[in-house]
Amino acid sequence: MKLWPPDWSNAYQAKERWPHGEIGMLENVSMHELLDRCIFLHVKHDVFYYVGSMYFDDRASSMMVYTFLKSVVGRSIAEIGDLDVSHLL
């Protein structure tokens, strides 16, 4: 299953207009208290805000990636995608 980059969506545009790929700036990262294996990425691209999600098999992996992504809020998704995260494995 592909995790990066997430598929982006929003409530203000038709699905056909949603962007694809490493777009925008990471504005926030969140998790829902009942979905402890899912991370939500909030990005701004052009004038719109989008949300993408990443699902993991276990809570430990999701927490590790969540902590990493919180540390890079404010950077572009493309820049984050280029980072070496092998130290997280």
C-alpha atoms as a PDB file:
ATOM      1  CA  MET A   1       0.000   0.000   0.000  1.00  0.00           C
ATOM      2  CA  LYS A   2       1.269   3.453  -0.903  1.00  0.00           C
ATOM      3  CA  LEU A   3       1.657   5.834   2.036  1.00  0.00           C
ATOM      4  CA  TRP A   4       3.583   8.759   0.551  1.00  0.00           C
ATOM      5  CA  PRO A   5       2.422  11.121  -0.626  1.00  0.00           C
ATOM      6  CA  PRO A   6      -1.098  10.694   0.747  1.00  0.00           C
ATOM      7  CA  ASP A   7      -4.146  11.214  -1.415  1.00  0.00           C
ATOM      8  CA  TRP A   8      -5.467  14.739  -0.816  1.00  0.00           C
ATOM      9  CA  SER A   9      -9.095  15.769  -0.403  1.00  0.00           C
ATOM     10  CA  ASN A  10     -11.204  18.712   0.693  1.00  0.00           C
ATOM     11  CA  ALA A  11     -14.867  19.592   1.036  1.00  0.00           C
ATOM     12  CA  TYR A  12     -14.785  22.612  -1.268  1.00  0.00           C
ATOM     13  CA  GLN A  13     -13.833  21.187  -4.644  1.00  0.00           C
ATOM     14  CA  ALA A  14     -15.015  18.398  -6.877  1.00  0.00           C
ATOM     15  CA  LYS A  15     -12.905  15.249  -6.485  1.00  0.00           C
ATOM     16  CA  GLU A  16     -11.615  15.674 -10.030  1.00  0.00           C
ATOM     17  CA  ARG A  17      -9.935  18.941  -8.994  1.00  0.00           C
ATOM     18  CA  TRP A  18      -8.077  17.553  -5.966  1.00  0.00           C
ATOM     19  CA  PRO A  19      -4.315  17.723  -6.464  1.00  0.00           C
ATOM     20  CA  HIS A  20      -2.020  14.715  -6.506  1.00  0.00           C
ATOM     21  CA  GLY A  21       1.550  14.216  -5.404  1.00  0.00           C
ATOM     22  CA  GLU A  22       3.858  16.133  -3.113  1.00  0.00           C
ATOM     23  CA  ILE A  23       1.967  19.425  -2.976  1.00  0.00           C
ATOM     24  CA  GLY A  24       1.738  22.291  -0.551  1.00  0.00           C
ATOM     25  CA  MET A  25       3.071  23.096   2.885  1.00  0.00           C
ATOM     26  CA  LEU A  26       2.443  20.930   5.924  1.00  0.00           C
ATOM     27  CA  GLU A  27       0.275  23.055   8.216  1.00  0.00           C
ATOM     28  CA  ASN A  28      -0.635  20.501  10.885  1.00  0.00           C
ATOM     29  CA  VAL A  29      -0.547  16.803  11.775  1.00  0.00           C
ATOM     30  CA  SER A  30      -3.253  15.186  13.875  1.00  0.00           C
ATOM     31  CA  MET A  31      -4.578  11.888  15.129  1.00  0.00           C
ATOM     32  CA  HIS A  32      -8.062  11.005  16.290  1.00  0.00           C
ATOM     33  CA  GLU A  33      -8.203   9.433  19.749  1.00  0.00           C
ATOM     34  CA  LEU A  34     -10.191   6.453  18.407  1.00  0.00           C
ATOM     35  CA  LEU A  35      -8.030   5.946  15.317  1.00  0.00           C
ATOM     36  CA  ASP A  36      -4.601   5.418  16.837  1.00  0.00           C
ATOM     37  CA  ARG A  37      -3.155   3.895  13.662  1.00  0.00           C
ATOM     38  CA  CYS A  38      -4.136   6.760  11.358  1.00  0.00           C
ATOM     39  CA  ILE A  39      -2.388  10.099  10.874  1.00  0.00           C
ATOM     40  CA  PHE A  40      -4.037  13.095   9.230  1.00  0.00           C
ATOM     41  CA  LEU A  41      -1.867  15.606   7.372  1.00  0.00           C
ATOM     42  CA  HIS A  42      -3.243  19.093   6.808  1.00  0.00           C
ATOM     43  CA  VAL A  43      -1.682  21.060   3.960  1.00  0.00           C
ATOM     44  CA  LYS A  44      -2.213  24.357   2.202  1.00  0.00           C
ATOM     45  CA  HIS A  45      -1.752  24.410  -1.567  1.00  0.00           C
ATOM     46  CA  ASP A  46      -2.465  27.592  -3.504  1.00  0.00           C
ATOM     47  CA  VAL A  47      -5.548  29.015  -1.749  1.00  0.00           C
ATOM     48  CA  PHE A  48      -7.051  25.699  -0.610  1.00  0.00           C
ATOM     49  CA  TYR A  49      -6.536  23.467   2.407  1.00  0.00           C
ATOM     50  CA  TYR A  50      -6.403  19.696   1.959  1.00  0.00           C
ATOM     51  CA  VAL A  51      -6.295  16.678   4.225  1.00  0.00           C
ATOM     52  CA  GLY A  52      -4.477  13.434   3.569  1.00  0.00           C
ATOM     53  CA  SER A  53      -4.334  10.322   5.713  1.00  0.00           C
ATOM     54  CA  MET A  54      -1.791   7.601   6.368  1.00  0.00           C
ATOM     55  CA  TYR A  55      -2.812   4.247   7.893  1.00  0.00           C
ATOM     56  CA  PHE A  56      -0.452   1.875   9.702  1.00  0.00           C
ATOM     57  CA  ASP A  57      -0.601  -1.739  10.854  1.00  0.00           C
ATOM     58  CA  ASP A  58       0.409  -0.920  14.411  1.00  0.00           C
ATOM     59  CA  ARG A  59       0.211   1.961  16.850  1.00  0.00           C
ATOM     60  CA  ALA A  60       3.979   2.110  17.431  1.00  0.00           C
ATOM     61  CA  SER A  61       4.679   2.813  13.746  1.00  0.00           C
ATOM     62  CA  SER A  62       1.959   5.435  13.529  1.00  0.00           C
ATOM     63  CA  MET A  63       3.262   7.207  16.648  1.00  0.00           C
ATOM     64  CA  MET A  64       6.833   7.200  15.314  1.00  0.00           C
ATOM     65  CA  VAL A  65       5.749   8.779  12.007  1.00  0.00           C
ATOM     66  CA  TYR A  66       3.375  11.171  13.794  1.00  0.00           C
ATOM     67  CA  THR A  67       6.198  12.445  16.021  1.00  0.00           C
ATOM     68  CA  PHE A  68       8.465  12.869  12.999  1.00  0.00           C
ATOM     69  CA  LEU A  69       5.813  14.732  10.991  1.00  0.00           C
ATOM     70  CA  LYS A  70       5.048  17.052  13.924  1.00  0.00           C
ATOM     71  CA  SER A  71       8.740  18.011  13.887  1.00  0.00           C
ATOM     72  CA  VAL A  72       8.590  19.103  10.235  1.00  0.00           C
ATOM     73  CA  VAL A  73       5.366  21.151  10.269  1.00  0.00           C
ATOM     74  CA  GLY A  74       5.922  24.254   8.163  1.00  0.00           C
ATOM     75  CA  ARG A  75       8.025  22.511   5.524  1.00  0.00           C
ATOM     76  CA  SER A  76       6.844  21.591   2.053  1.00  0.00           C
ATOM     77  CA  ILE A  77       5.517  18.105   1.411  1.00  0.00           C
ATOM     78  CA  ALA A  78       8.090  17.721  -1.383  1.00  0.00           C
ATOM     79  CA  GLU A  79      10.904  18.655   1.001  1.00  0.00           C
ATOM     80  CA  ILE A  80       9.612  16.212   3.619  1.00  0.00           C
ATOM     81  CA  GLY A  81       9.419  13.479   0.993  1.00  0.00           C
ATOM     82  CA  ASP A  82      13.097  14.023   0.162  1.00  0.00           C
ATOM     83  CA  LEU A  83      14.276  13.661   3.773  1.00  0.00           C
ATOM     84  CA  ASP A  84      16.267  10.589   4.805  1.00  0.00           C
ATOM     85  CA  VAL A  85      14.163   8.867   7.460  1.00  0.00           C
ATOM     86  CA  SER A  86      16.142   5.642   7.592  1.00  0.00           C
ATOM     87  CA  HIS A  87      17.090   6.448  11.194  1.00  0.00           C
ATOM     88  CA  LEU A  88      13.419   5.930  12.113  1.00  0.00           C
ATOM     89  CA  LEU A  89      13.464   2.287  11.054  1.00  0.00           C
END
